[in-house]
């Protein structure tokens, strides 16, 4: 399945079956993307990993 990167509008390939919260990487801009919807399949920029400092 090919979707469009929300950052650069380049093609992003996803293997089927697509799963919610799956992480993909755009080959054009190297952005990490997260599957945020399944019907229709939608991509958004993945949140940055933050340190929790032991909280």
N, C-alpha and C. Protein backbone atom coordinates (compact mmCIF):
# COMPACT_ATOMS: atom_id res chain seq x y z
N UNK A 1 0.86 -1.16 0.00
CA UNK A 1 0.00 0.00 0.00
C UNK A 1 0.91 1.24 0.00
N UNK A 2 0.59 2.19 -0.84
CA UNK A 2 1.37 3.42 -0.94
C UNK A 2 0.52 4.59 -0.47
N UNK A 3 1.06 5.35 0.49
CA UNK A 3 0.39 6.55 0.99
C UNK A 3 1.28 7.76 0.74
N UNK A 4 0.79 8.93 1.08
CA UNK A 4 1.53 10.17 0.88
C UNK A 4 2.04 10.69 2.22
N UNK A 5 3.32 11.06 2.25
CA UNK A 5 3.93 11.62 3.45
C UNK A 5 3.29 12.98 3.76
N UNK A 6 2.83 13.20 5.00
CA UNK A 6 2.21 14.50 5.34
C UNK A 6 3.24 15.63 5.43
N UNK A 7 4.53 15.29 5.49
CA UNK A 7 5.59 16.30 5.61
C UNK A 7 6.06 16.79 4.24
N UNK A 8 6.39 15.85 3.32
CA UNK A 8 6.97 16.25 2.03
C UNK A 8 6.14 15.81 0.83
N UNK A 9 5.05 15.09 1.08
CA UNK A 9 4.15 14.57 0.04
C UNK A 9 4.80 13.52 -0.84
N UNK A 10 5.89 12.91 -0.36
CA UNK A 10 6.53 11.80 -1.08
C UNK A 10 5.77 10.50 -0.82
N UNK A 11 6.05 9.47 -1.60
CA UNK A 11 5.37 8.19 -1.42
C UNK A 11 5.94 7.43 -0.21
N UNK A 12 5.04 6.80 0.55
CA UNK A 12 5.42 5.99 1.71
C UNK A 12 4.80 4.61 1.52
N UNK A 13 5.65 3.58 1.49
CA UNK A 13 5.18 2.20 1.32
C UNK A 13 4.88 1.59 2.68
N UNK A 14 3.70 0.98 2.80
CA UNK A 14 3.33 0.24 4.01
C UNK A 14 2.98 -1.19 3.63
N UNK A 15 3.48 -2.14 4.42
CA UNK A 15 3.15 -3.54 4.18
C UNK A 15 1.75 -3.82 4.74
N UNK A 16 1.01 -4.63 4.02
CA UNK A 16 -0.32 -4.99 4.51
C UNK A 16 -0.23 -6.28 5.30
N UNK A 17 -0.98 -6.47 6.35
CA UNK A 17 -2.04 -5.58 6.83
C UNK A 17 -1.47 -4.40 7.62
N UNK A 18 -2.07 -3.25 7.42
CA UNK A 18 -1.65 -2.04 8.12
C UNK A 18 -2.27 -2.07 9.52
N UNK A 19 -1.46 -1.72 10.53
CA UNK A 19 -1.93 -1.73 11.91
C UNK A 19 -1.89 -0.32 12.48
N UNK A 20 -2.87 -0.01 13.33
CA UNK A 20 -2.92 1.27 14.01
C UNK A 20 -1.67 1.44 14.86
N UNK A 21 -1.11 2.61 14.90
CA UNK A 21 0.12 2.97 15.64
C UNK A 21 1.39 2.40 15.02
N UNK A 22 1.30 1.79 13.85
CA UNK A 22 2.48 1.29 13.15
C UNK A 22 3.37 2.48 12.77
N UNK A 23 4.68 2.31 12.86
CA UNK A 23 5.62 3.37 12.52
C UNK A 23 6.25 3.06 11.16
N UNK A 24 6.31 4.08 10.31
CA UNK A 24 6.93 3.95 8.99
C UNK A 24 7.88 5.13 8.82
N UNK A 25 8.77 5.02 7.85
CA UNK A 25 9.70 6.12 7.58
C UNK A 25 9.58 6.52 6.12
N UNK A 26 9.53 7.81 5.90
CA UNK A 26 9.47 8.34 4.54
C UNK A 26 10.85 8.21 3.90
N UNK A 27 10.91 7.63 2.71
CA UNK A 27 12.17 7.45 2.00
C UNK A 27 12.72 8.79 1.47
N UNK A 28 11.84 9.75 1.25
CA UNK A 28 12.28 11.04 0.69
C UNK A 28 12.83 11.98 1.74
N UNK A 29 12.12 12.17 2.87
CA UNK A 29 12.54 13.17 3.87
C UNK A 29 12.98 12.55 5.19
N UNK A 30 12.90 11.23 5.32
CA UNK A 30 13.31 10.48 6.52
C UNK A 30 12.46 10.78 7.75
N UNK A 31 11.29 11.36 7.59
CA UNK A 31 10.41 11.60 8.73
C UNK A 31 9.85 10.29 9.24
N UNK A 32 9.73 10.16 10.57
CA UNK A 32 9.07 8.99 11.14
C UNK A 32 7.59 9.29 11.20
N UNK A 33 6.79 8.37 10.67
CA UNK A 33 5.36 8.57 10.56
C UNK A 33 4.63 7.48 11.31
N UNK A 34 3.45 7.81 11.82
CA UNK A 34 2.63 6.86 12.57
C UNK A 34 1.28 6.72 11.88
N UNK A 35 0.79 5.48 11.80
CA UNK A 35 -0.56 5.24 11.27
C UNK A 35 -1.55 5.67 12.35
N UNK A 36 -2.37 6.68 12.05
CA UNK A 36 -3.31 7.22 13.03
C UNK A 36 -4.77 6.93 12.69
N UNK A 37 -5.00 6.30 11.55
CA UNK A 37 -6.36 5.93 11.17
C UNK A 37 -6.34 4.76 10.22
N UNK A 38 -7.38 3.94 10.28
CA UNK A 38 -7.45 2.77 9.41
C UNK A 38 -8.53 2.83 8.36
N UNK A 39 -9.54 3.66 8.54
CA UNK A 39 -10.64 3.70 7.58
C UNK A 39 -11.04 5.14 7.31
N UNK A 40 -10.35 5.87 6.47
CA UNK A 40 -9.26 5.45 5.60
C UNK A 40 -7.92 5.45 6.36
N UNK A 41 -6.92 4.78 5.77
CA UNK A 41 -5.59 4.75 6.37
C UNK A 41 -5.00 6.16 6.31
N UNK A 42 -4.52 6.65 7.45
CA UNK A 42 -3.98 8.01 7.53
C UNK A 42 -2.66 8.01 8.27
N UNK A 43 -1.74 8.86 7.82
CA UNK A 43 -0.43 9.00 8.45
C UNK A 43 -0.29 10.38 9.07
N UNK A 44 0.47 10.46 10.18
CA UNK A 44 0.81 11.72 10.81
C UNK A 44 2.25 11.60 11.30
N UNK A 45 2.88 12.73 11.57
CA UNK A 45 4.23 12.69 12.12
C UNK A 45 4.20 11.97 13.46
N UNK A 46 5.13 11.06 13.67
CA UNK A 46 5.21 10.33 14.93
C UNK A 46 5.69 11.28 16.02
N UNK A 47 5.16 11.13 17.24
CA UNK A 47 5.61 12.00 18.32
C UNK A 47 7.07 11.72 18.68
N UNK A 48 7.76 12.76 19.10
CA UNK A 48 9.15 12.61 19.52
C UNK A 48 9.20 11.82 20.82
N UNK A 49 10.19 10.96 20.95
CA UNK A 49 10.37 10.19 22.18
C UNK A 49 10.98 11.12 23.22
N UNK A 50 10.34 11.20 24.38
CA UNK A 50 10.80 12.08 25.44
C UNK A 50 11.30 11.25 26.61
N UNK A 51 12.28 11.77 27.32
CA UNK A 51 12.74 11.10 28.52
C UNK A 51 11.76 11.39 29.65
N UNK A 52 11.53 10.39 30.52
CA UNK A 52 10.59 10.60 31.61
C UNK A 52 11.29 10.92 32.93
N UNK A 53 12.62 10.87 32.94
CA UNK A 53 13.42 11.19 34.11
C UNK A 53 12.96 10.44 35.34
N UNK A 54 12.50 9.19 35.16
CA UNK A 54 12.13 8.34 36.27
C UNK A 54 10.80 8.66 36.90
N UNK A 55 9.98 9.44 36.22
CA UNK A 55 8.67 9.80 36.78
C UNK A 55 7.68 8.69 36.62
